[in-house]
Amino acid sequence: MDILGIKIDNLDRREISDKIKFFLQEEKFHQVATVNPEFILQAQEDREFKNILNGCDLNVADGVGIRFAFLRFDKYLKSRMTGIDLMSEILGLADREKLSVFLASYGGALSSWEEMKSAILKKHPSLQVDGAVADINDPDHGSRITGYEIVFCNFGAPYQEKFIHSLKNQENSKIRLAMGVGGSFDFLTGKIKRAPECIRKAGFEWLWRFLQEPKYRAKRIFRAVIIFPVKVLFNK
């Protein structure tokens, strides 16, 4: 399905899980994105970001706005899956398959990669996890990262997707799956509390996050719940 020029893979949770399992078994680079309305709006203004999203191996729908966009075009979205939920599933698979994980973080993040590593090891104590503060402008940033099978990056869109894309053609890379996870680090460390499950199922997690971080979230939520629906409504 195409929403404002951005590919969304319309899969249910089992199909998403099967895709991820296949990616982790194949010795080949796969980029995964969890696409929300903000991503789609940003891609309208950033051609490089748009091309990267449309070149991803899997674009999972994240955000209730994507479901409404599907309905606008008389389509039904099988499932939506947040970055934190998909990341948690991938970590579980990594633990079972004995795959290594690298956490690429930016300086000044609310949760450091060390704190994130500690949170992961509490759930998966045998998992091999490492990380570093990474910089997309550093020409040597990929030399260490490519020694791991799974990479998570928390730069936020579009920077995390561009950073991951820059790893794609690195020589001697072991990376099988790389995904931008935005604020998921903060959920796993507990620095940001997730909405209760009933609120998530009702599609109001965005409101919960706004109430937690009103200054940071105001502009983003305005674009997601006002600008995005208007653009979708009047798109032919």
Protein backbone atom coordinates (compact mmCIF):
# COMPACT_ATOMS: atom_id res chain seq x y z
CA MET A 1 0.00 0.00 0.00
CA ASP A 2 1.19 3.51 -0.84
CA ILE A 3 0.39 6.44 1.48
CA LEU A 4 1.42 9.84 0.07
CA GLY A 5 4.16 8.15 -1.91
CA ILE A 6 5.51 5.99 0.94
CA LYS A 7 5.34 2.20 0.85
CA ILE A 8 3.63 0.48 3.79
CA ASP A 9 3.70 -3.32 4.04
CA ASN A 10 0.22 -4.45 5.01
CA LEU A 11 1.02 -7.49 7.14
CA ASP A 12 -0.46 -9.02 10.25
CA ARG A 13 1.73 -9.67 13.30
CA ARG A 14 2.48 -13.25 12.39
CA GLU A 15 3.56 -12.20 8.89
CA ILE A 16 5.78 -9.46 10.35
CA SER A 17 7.33 -11.96 12.74
CA ASP A 18 7.97 -14.42 9.90
CA LYS A 19 9.66 -11.68 7.87
CA ILE A 20 11.92 -10.75 10.78
CA LYS A 21 12.86 -14.40 11.36
CA PHE A 22 13.75 -14.75 7.68
CA PHE A 23 15.88 -11.59 7.77
CA LEU A 24 17.78 -12.85 10.79
CA GLN A 25 18.50 -16.19 9.09
CA GLU A 26 19.71 -14.64 5.84
CA GLU A 27 23.31 -13.41 5.79
CA LYS A 28 22.38 -10.18 4.07
CA PHE A 29 21.69 -6.59 5.13
CA HIS A 30 18.00 -5.76 5.75
CA GLN A 31 16.69 -2.33 6.77
CA VAL A 32 13.42 -2.19 8.69
CA ALA A 33 11.38 0.94 9.48
CA THR A 34 8.32 1.50 11.64
CA VAL A 35 6.53 4.21 9.67
CA ASN A 36 4.22 6.71 11.36
CA PRO A 37 2.49 9.86 10.03
CA GLU A 38 5.49 12.02 10.98
CA PHE A 39 7.75 9.89 8.80
CA ILE A 40 5.43 10.27 5.84
CA LEU A 41 5.17 14.05 6.24
CA GLN A 42 8.94 14.39 6.64
CA ALA A 43 9.46 12.34 3.49
CA GLN A 44 7.39 14.86 1.50
CA GLU A 45 10.11 17.43 2.21
CA ASP A 46 13.18 15.16 2.10
CA ARG A 47 13.69 13.15 -1.08
CA GLU A 48 16.65 11.23 0.31
CA PHE A 49 14.57 10.08 3.28
CA LYS A 50 11.69 9.17 0.97
CA ASN A 51 13.93 7.04 -1.23
CA ILE A 52 15.45 5.29 1.78
CA LEU A 53 12.01 4.43 3.18
CA ASN A 54 10.81 3.10 -0.14
CA GLY A 55 13.97 1.02 -0.40
CA CYS A 56 13.56 -0.60 3.03
CA ASP A 57 13.08 -4.35 3.15
CA LEU A 58 10.13 -3.94 5.53
CA ASN A 59 8.00 -0.91 6.43
CA VAL A 60 5.74 -1.67 9.38
CA ALA A 61 2.78 0.62 10.10
CA ASP A 62 3.23 2.48 13.39
CA GLY A 63 0.59 4.98 14.50
CA VAL A 64 -3.17 5.02 14.45
CA GLY A 65 -3.08 7.64 11.69
CA ILE A 66 -1.82 5.01 9.27
CA ARG A 67 -4.91 2.90 9.95
CA PHE A 68 -7.18 5.84 9.13
CA ALA A 69 -5.17 6.54 5.98
CA PHE A 70 -5.81 2.98 4.81
CA LEU A 71 -9.53 3.44 5.41
CA ARG A 72 -9.46 6.64 3.36
CA PHE A 73 -8.45 4.52 0.36
CA ASP A 74 -10.93 1.74 1.20
CA LYS A 75 -8.23 -0.57 2.52
CA TYR A 76 -7.95 -2.35 5.85
CA LEU A 77 -4.67 -2.29 7.77
CA LYS A 78 -4.06 -5.79 9.13
CA SER A 79 -2.02 -4.58 12.09
CA ARG A 80 0.08 -1.73 13.37
CA MET A 81 3.17 -2.31 15.45
CA THR A 82 5.16 0.25 17.41
CA GLY A 83 8.92 0.45 17.35
CA ILE A 84 9.21 -0.67 20.97
CA ASP A 85 7.03 -3.75 20.37
CA LEU A 86 8.97 -4.76 17.27
CA MET A 87 12.30 -4.11 18.96
CA SER A 88 11.29 -6.27 21.92
CA GLU A 89 10.35 -9.12 19.59
CA ILE A 90 13.65 -8.85 17.72
CA LEU A 91 15.60 -8.92 20.99
CA GLY A 92 13.80 -12.11 21.98
CA LEU A 93 14.67 -13.71 18.65
CA ALA A 94 18.27 -12.53 18.95
CA ASP A 95 18.53 -14.17 22.35
CA ARG A 96 17.17 -17.49 21.07
CA GLU A 97 19.34 -17.47 17.94
CA LYS A 98 22.48 -16.24 19.77
CA LEU A 99 22.84 -13.16 17.58
CA SER A 100 24.79 -10.07 18.64
CA VAL A 101 23.24 -6.61 19.03
CA PHE A 102 24.75 -3.15 18.62
CA LEU A 103 23.14 0.01 20.04
CA ALA A 104 23.99 3.15 18.06
CA SER A 105 23.09 6.16 20.18
CA TYR A 106 23.53 9.91 19.89
CA GLY A 107 25.25 12.06 22.49
CA GLY A 108 22.84 13.70 24.91
CA ALA A 109 20.11 11.06 24.55
CA LEU A 110 17.81 10.64 27.54
CA SER A 111 18.92 7.02 27.87
CA SER A 112 22.56 6.22 27.17
CA TRP A 113 23.47 3.06 25.30
CA GLU A 114 25.04 1.74 28.51
CA GLU A 115 21.72 2.14 30.35
CA MET A 116 19.97 0.52 27.44
CA LYS A 117 22.40 -2.40 27.48
CA SER A 118 21.77 -2.88 31.20
CA ALA A 119 17.99 -2.90 30.65
CA ILE A 120 18.29 -5.47 27.85
CA LEU A 121 20.53 -7.77 29.88
CA LYS A 122 18.01 -7.83 32.72
CA LYS A 123 15.59 -9.55 30.33
CA HIS A 124 18.15 -11.38 28.20
CA PRO A 125 21.24 -11.97 30.38
CA SER A 126 23.02 -14.19 27.86
CA LEU A 127 22.62 -11.80 24.92
CA GLN A 128 25.76 -10.24 23.45
CA VAL A 129 25.12 -6.47 23.48
CA ASP A 130 27.46 -3.58 22.81
CA GLY A 131 27.09 0.00 21.69
CA ALA A 132 28.59 3.44 21.23
CA VAL A 133 27.74 7.08 20.71
CA ALA A 134 27.66 7.19 16.91
CA ASP A 135 27.99 10.04 14.43
CA ILE A 136 26.76 9.86 10.84
CA ASN A 137 29.36 12.46 9.88
CA ASP A 138 32.22 10.21 11.01
CA PRO A 139 33.53 8.35 7.94
CA ASP A 140 34.74 5.48 10.14
CA HIS A 141 31.49 5.02 12.07
CA GLY A 142 30.67 1.68 10.42
CA SER A 143 33.94 -0.14 11.05
CA ARG A 144 32.92 -1.37 14.52
CA ILE A 145 29.15 -1.58 14.07
CA THR A 146 29.30 -3.96 11.11
CA GLY A 147 30.72 -6.70 13.33
CA TYR A 148 27.25 -7.31 14.81
CA GLU A 149 24.20 -9.05 13.34
CA ILE A 150 21.56 -6.60 14.61
CA VAL A 151 21.77 -2.80 14.87
CA PHE A 152 19.33 -0.47 16.63
CA CYS A 153 19.69 3.30 16.22
CA ASN A 154 17.86 5.94 18.29
CA PHE A 155 18.71 9.16 16.42
CA GLY A 156 15.07 9.82 15.47
CA ALA A 157 13.79 10.22 11.91
CA PRO A 158 15.14 10.93 9.36
CA TYR A 159 18.67 10.75 10.82
CA GLN A 160 18.46 7.17 12.08
CA GLU A 161 17.22 5.86 8.71
CA LYS A 162 19.97 7.76 6.88
CA PHE A 163 22.58 6.47 9.31
CA ILE A 164 21.41 2.88 8.88
CA HIS A 165 21.34 3.25 5.10
CA SER A 166 24.97 4.41 5.23
CA LEU A 167 25.90 1.00 6.70
CA LYS A 168 24.33 -0.94 3.85
CA ASN A 169 27.31 -1.40 1.56
CA GLN A 170 30.07 -1.68 4.14
CA GLU A 171 32.58 -4.38 3.30
CA ASN A 172 32.75 -7.53 5.44
CA SER A 173 29.57 -6.55 7.24
CA LYS A 174 27.80 -9.10 9.45
CA ILE A 175 24.65 -6.97 9.78
CA ARG A 176 21.47 -8.88 8.99
CA LEU A 177 18.91 -6.44 10.36
CA ALA A 178 19.11 -2.73 11.20
CA MET A 179 16.24 -0.59 12.48
CA GLY A 180 15.68 2.95 13.72
CA VAL A 181 13.89 2.86 17.06
CA GLY A 182 13.49 6.51 18.07
CA GLY A 183 12.44 6.76 21.71
CA SER A 184 12.26 3.01 22.29
CA PHE A 185 15.48 3.12 24.30
CA ASP A 186 13.70 5.33 26.85
CA PHE A 187 10.77 2.91 27.12
CA LEU A 188 13.05 -0.04 27.81
CA THR A 189 15.08 1.85 30.43
CA GLY A 190 11.86 3.03 32.06
CA LYS A 191 12.68 6.73 31.72
CA ILE A 192 9.50 7.21 29.71
CA LYS A 193 6.43 5.24 30.77
CA ARG A 194 4.30 3.57 28.14
CA ALA A 195 0.57 4.12 28.05
CA PRO A 196 -1.60 1.43 29.67
CA GLU A 197 -2.55 -1.30 27.22
CA CYS A 198 -6.18 -0.16 27.02
CA ILE A 199 -5.06 3.30 25.86
CA ARG A 200 -2.69 1.78 23.31
CA LYS A 201 -5.41 -0.46 21.88
CA ALA A 202 -7.79 2.50 21.63
CA GLY A 203 -5.20 4.36 19.55
CA PHE A 204 -4.50 7.16 22.04
CA GLU A 205 -0.88 6.45 22.93
CA TRP A 206 0.02 9.71 21.16
CA LEU A 207 -2.13 11.62 23.70
CA TRP A 208 -0.45 9.81 26.60
CA ARG A 209 2.97 10.81 25.28
CA PHE A 210 1.84 14.40 24.78
CA LEU A 211 0.75 14.60 28.42
CA GLN A 212 4.18 13.32 29.48
CA GLU A 213 6.20 15.65 27.22
CA PRO A 214 3.89 18.51 26.17
CA LYS A 215 6.55 20.97 24.99
CA TYR A 216 8.50 18.37 23.03
CA ARG A 217 5.45 16.66 21.56
CA ALA A 218 3.12 19.58 20.70
CA LYS A 219 4.41 20.34 17.21
CA ARG A 220 4.88 16.69 16.33
CA ILE A 221 1.36 15.75 17.41
CA PHE A 222 -0.15 18.69 15.56
CA ARG A 223 1.46 17.46 12.37
CA ALA A 224 0.40 13.85 13.02
CA VAL A 225 -3.23 14.44 14.02
CA ILE A 226 -4.07 17.56 11.98
CA ILE A 227 -1.72 18.05 9.02
CA PHE A 228 -1.40 14.37 8.10
CA PRO A 229 -5.16 13.59 8.02
CA VAL A 230 -5.83 16.71 5.93
CA LYS A 231 -3.17 15.75 3.39
CA VAL A 232 -4.48 12.19 3.21
CA LEU A 233 -8.11 13.34 2.92
CA PHE A 234 -7.40 15.55 -0.07
CA ASN A 235 -4.97 13.19 -1.75
CA LYS A 236 -6.45 11.66 -4.87
